[in-house]
Every structure is written in structure tokens, then in C-alpha cells.
Protein backbone atom coordinates (compact mmCIF):
# COMPACT_ATOMS: atom_id res chain seq x y z
CA MET A 1 -27.79 -28.58 -16.71
CA LYS A 2 -24.93 -28.01 -19.64
CA LYS A 3 -26.41 -24.36 -20.21
CA LEU A 4 -26.26 -23.66 -15.92
CA ILE A 5 -22.35 -24.66 -15.92
CA TYR A 6 -21.80 -22.49 -18.51
CA SER A 7 -23.72 -19.33 -17.43
CA ILE A 8 -21.92 -19.67 -14.29
CA ILE A 9 -18.77 -20.11 -15.29
CA CYS A 10 -19.06 -17.26 -18.06
CA LEU A 11 -20.25 -14.84 -15.01
CA PHE A 12 -16.97 -15.97 -13.25
CA LEU A 13 -14.89 -15.12 -16.24
CA LEU A 14 -16.81 -12.21 -16.31
CA SER A 15 -16.47 -10.84 -12.73
CA GLY A 16 -13.10 -11.27 -12.52
CA CYS A 17 -13.23 -13.19 -9.85
CA MET A 18 -10.63 -15.98 -11.56
CA ALA A 19 -7.14 -16.09 -10.08
CA LYS A 20 -5.12 -13.40 -12.06
CA LYS A 21 -2.86 -10.63 -11.75
CA SER A 22 -4.30 -8.09 -9.88
CA ALA A 23 -3.07 -4.63 -10.92
CA ALA A 24 -2.30 -4.17 -7.08
CA GLY A 25 -0.41 -6.69 -7.01
CA GLU A 26 2.05 -6.15 -9.93
CA GLY A 27 3.78 -3.02 -7.38
CA LEU A 28 7.54 -2.52 -8.56
CA ASP A 29 11.03 -3.59 -6.59
CA TYR A 30 13.07 -0.12 -5.50
CA LYS A 31 15.81 -1.03 -8.47
CA ASP A 32 12.47 -0.23 -10.93
CA SER A 33 11.08 1.87 -10.07
CA HIS A 34 11.47 5.91 -10.27
CA LEU A 35 13.26 6.05 -6.89
CA SER A 36 16.18 4.87 -7.90
CA LYS A 37 16.78 6.90 -10.31
CA VAL A 38 17.00 10.05 -7.81
CA ASP A 39 18.19 10.54 -4.20
CA PRO A 40 15.21 10.43 -2.42
CA ASP A 41 16.56 12.22 0.65
CA LEU A 42 17.29 15.41 -1.56
CA VAL A 43 14.10 15.49 -3.57
CA ASP A 44 11.45 18.17 -2.00
CA TRP A 45 8.57 15.76 -2.87
CA LYS A 46 5.86 18.68 -1.28
CA THR A 47 7.00 20.37 -4.70
CA LYS A 48 5.58 17.79 -7.26
CA ASP A 49 2.34 18.59 -9.21
CA LEU A 50 -0.18 15.85 -10.51
CA GLU A 51 1.54 15.46 -13.72
CA TYR A 52 5.02 14.65 -12.29
CA TRP A 53 3.40 11.94 -10.32
CA LYS A 54 1.38 10.44 -13.27
CA SER A 55 4.31 9.84 -15.05
CA VAL A 56 6.15 7.86 -12.80
CA LEU A 57 3.52 5.64 -11.17
CA SER A 58 1.53 3.61 -12.41
CA PRO A 59 -2.36 3.89 -12.97
CA ILE A 60 -3.76 1.78 -9.81
CA GLN A 61 0.06 3.32 -7.50
CA PHE A 62 -1.77 6.92 -8.52
CA ASN A 63 -5.31 6.28 -7.82
CA VAL A 64 -4.51 4.96 -4.60
CA THR A 65 -1.43 7.60 -3.36
CA ARG A 66 -2.71 10.93 -4.90
CA GLU A 67 -6.36 10.10 -5.39
CA ALA A 68 -6.50 8.50 -1.90
CA GLY A 69 -8.43 4.73 -3.56
CA THR A 70 -7.64 1.28 -2.38
CA GLU A 71 -6.72 -2.13 -4.34
CA ARG A 72 -8.71 -5.07 -3.80
CA ALA A 73 -8.57 -7.13 -0.63
CA PHE A 74 -6.39 -9.81 -1.24
CA THR A 75 -4.49 -8.44 -4.25
CA GLY A 76 -1.25 -6.25 -3.32
CA LYS A 77 2.24 -7.50 -3.11
CA TYR A 78 2.74 -7.39 0.17
CA TRP A 79 -0.48 -8.26 1.88
CA ASP A 80 1.14 -11.81 2.24
CA ASN A 81 4.64 -10.94 2.40
CA LYS A 82 7.14 -12.71 5.11
CA LYS A 83 10.85 -11.28 3.99
CA GLU A 84 12.48 -9.31 6.53
CA GLY A 85 13.45 -5.90 5.63
CA VAL A 86 11.83 -1.94 5.69
CA TYR A 87 8.84 -0.50 4.34
CA ILE A 88 9.44 2.40 2.15
CA CYS A 89 6.87 5.37 0.94
CA SER A 90 6.51 4.11 -3.13
CA ASN A 91 6.44 7.94 -3.93
CA CYS A 92 9.04 8.97 -1.92
CA GLY A 93 11.45 6.61 -0.38
CA GLN A 94 10.67 7.77 2.81
CA HIS A 95 11.17 4.94 5.57
CA LEU A 96 7.65 4.05 6.93
CA PHE A 97 7.44 0.21 8.73
CA LEU A 98 9.94 -1.97 9.89
CA SER A 99 9.06 -5.97 9.30
CA SER A 100 9.17 -7.20 12.46
CA THR A 101 5.59 -4.68 13.24
CA LYS A 102 4.43 -6.43 10.01
CA PHE A 103 1.34 -8.88 11.78
CA LYS A 104 -1.21 -10.82 9.59
CA SER A 105 -4.59 -9.20 10.05
CA GLY A 106 -6.95 -11.45 8.42
CA THR A 107 -8.15 -8.32 6.48
CA GLY A 108 -6.16 -8.89 3.30
CA TRP A 109 -3.86 -6.07 2.93
CA PRO A 110 -0.65 -5.57 4.84
CA SER A 111 -1.09 -4.47 8.24
CA PHE A 112 2.09 -3.19 11.28
CA TYR A 113 1.08 -2.13 14.49
CA ASP A 114 3.97 0.48 14.79
CA THR A 115 5.76 2.78 11.99
CA ILE A 116 9.22 3.08 12.61
CA SER A 117 9.42 5.71 14.08
CA LYS A 118 6.77 8.86 14.88
CA GLY A 119 7.43 11.53 12.26
CA ALA A 120 6.99 9.55 9.19
CA VAL A 121 3.77 9.44 8.85
CA SER A 122 0.97 12.19 9.21
CA LYS A 123 -3.23 11.78 10.80
CA ILE A 124 -5.82 12.67 9.10
CA VAL A 125 -9.68 12.57 9.96
CA ASP A 126 -11.18 10.66 7.44
CA SER A 127 -15.34 10.83 7.49
CA LYS A 128 -15.75 10.21 3.42
CA PHE A 129 -18.20 7.00 3.47
CA GLY A 130 -20.32 8.20 6.44
CA MET A 131 -17.82 7.03 9.21
CA SER A 132 -15.01 8.44 10.76
CA ARG A 133 -11.43 6.78 9.93
CA THR A 134 -7.91 8.06 10.94
CA GLU A 135 -6.16 8.65 7.48
CA ILE A 136 -2.51 7.31 7.43
CA ILE A 137 -0.22 9.75 4.79
CA CYS A 138 3.23 9.72 3.70
CA SER A 139 4.73 12.60 5.99
CA ARG A 140 7.49 13.35 3.31
CA CYS A 141 5.58 13.70 0.43
CA GLY A 142 1.70 13.50 0.87
CA ALA A 143 0.86 10.28 -0.61
CA HIS A 144 -2.40 7.91 0.77
CA LEU A 145 -1.10 4.65 2.32
CA GLY A 146 -4.22 3.63 4.41
CA HIS A 147 -5.85 3.81 7.42
CA VAL A 148 -4.98 3.52 11.17
CA PHE A 149 -7.51 1.60 13.74
CA ASP A 150 -7.62 0.44 17.39
CA ASP A 151 -7.79 -3.10 16.77
CA GLY A 152 -4.36 -4.25 16.79
CA PRO A 153 -1.81 -6.43 19.03
CA ARG A 154 0.35 -5.43 21.36
CA PRO A 155 2.52 -3.64 22.36
CA THR A 156 0.78 -0.93 20.65
CA GLY A 157 -2.87 -2.01 20.36
CA LEU A 158 -3.08 -0.46 16.62
CA ARG A 159 -3.49 -2.27 12.90
CA TYR A 160 -1.90 0.18 10.25
CA CYS A 161 -3.75 -1.19 7.23
CA MET A 162 -1.73 -0.07 4.32
CA ASN A 163 -2.09 -0.30 1.02
CA SER A 164 0.96 -2.73 -0.65
CA VAL A 165 0.89 0.01 -4.21
CA SER A 166 1.95 2.11 -1.59
CA LEU A 167 4.58 0.48 -0.01
CA ILE A 168 7.95 -0.91 -1.15
CA HIS A 169 9.54 -3.67 0.54
CA VAL A 170 13.22 -3.28 0.84
CA PRO A 171 14.81 -6.97 1.66
CA ASN A 172 18.20 -6.71 4.72
CA LYS A 173 20.87 -7.57 3.01
CA LYS A 174 22.26 -10.42 3.97
CA LYS A 175 25.82 -10.29 6.00
């Protein structure tokens, strides 16, 4: 019996299922990101090459935002964040979502029912993995953010399912 319990514990530890901090949960705050060193509104982000992005993003941010990867569900920094503020692109600082449009979708990723403005994101048909989905990218820098689905709440009926590492939450300033 002891060997069985020991084997189960070993498998659990080796599988990475321990309550360890995921790389996805280690997203930087604005003040610690590359964005704090520039005026994001004055940079031509579309001219930045992959070497630039590798130099300023963490490996998981680069994988998700520049290679269309996905962080594991329930590991991201913002999936359960309830603080007021605005969510911006972690690559270029463009304003994307208001916290007032965030809702608990049960998916393990931050979900929003609307963007901050119509031009904040672009939509691309994604036919990978044998299904058709709508990929959402930042309209300013082209960063992969996540996907949008039509199973969200009112008033839009949309669920923008985003990766935490593609976002930075900027809290509202206290009055």
C-alpha cells in the first residue's frame, strides 16, 4: 500500500500538477514591463521584428503573443482578477478591455463581453486543429490575444477568451 501511495505522489509531482506558480501567472505589471521605458503611443510597433520581441517579452509571452500559443487554463495572472481598471496589450500598451466588461466564464482564462473600442482588436479566421474559430489579435502590434466565441453574456453575446500573458491590468487611479 505504501508503494502505491508513493507511486501516486511521484506521478503527481512529475506531472506538474502541484500548486506551483505557472509561468503564465508571472506576467509583469506595467511598471516592470518594457512599456514603462517608452511612450507606447509614439512607437511604430508593426515594424518590430521577432528578435526585438524575444528581447522584451518572457518566453511564455513570446510563445503566446508572437507564435499564437496558449497558456494553460487557470494558470494566468488575470483569469480570476476582480480589480477595476483597464486591460492593455502586454506587447504595445494599446487599451483593449475595461474591467467592467470582464465576467467569470468558467474557462480558466480572462473573458470579456466587449472590447474597449471597435478598432482595438482585429479578427482572423483560425482553422487550426480541425475547427474554425475567430482569432483575436491586437490591431496595433499584431499580438495574438486569444479567441472570440458567440456564447457570452448580454449585451453582446460574445466571449473574448484572452490569454493573461497577452494583457496587463492597469488599475484605476484612486481619486
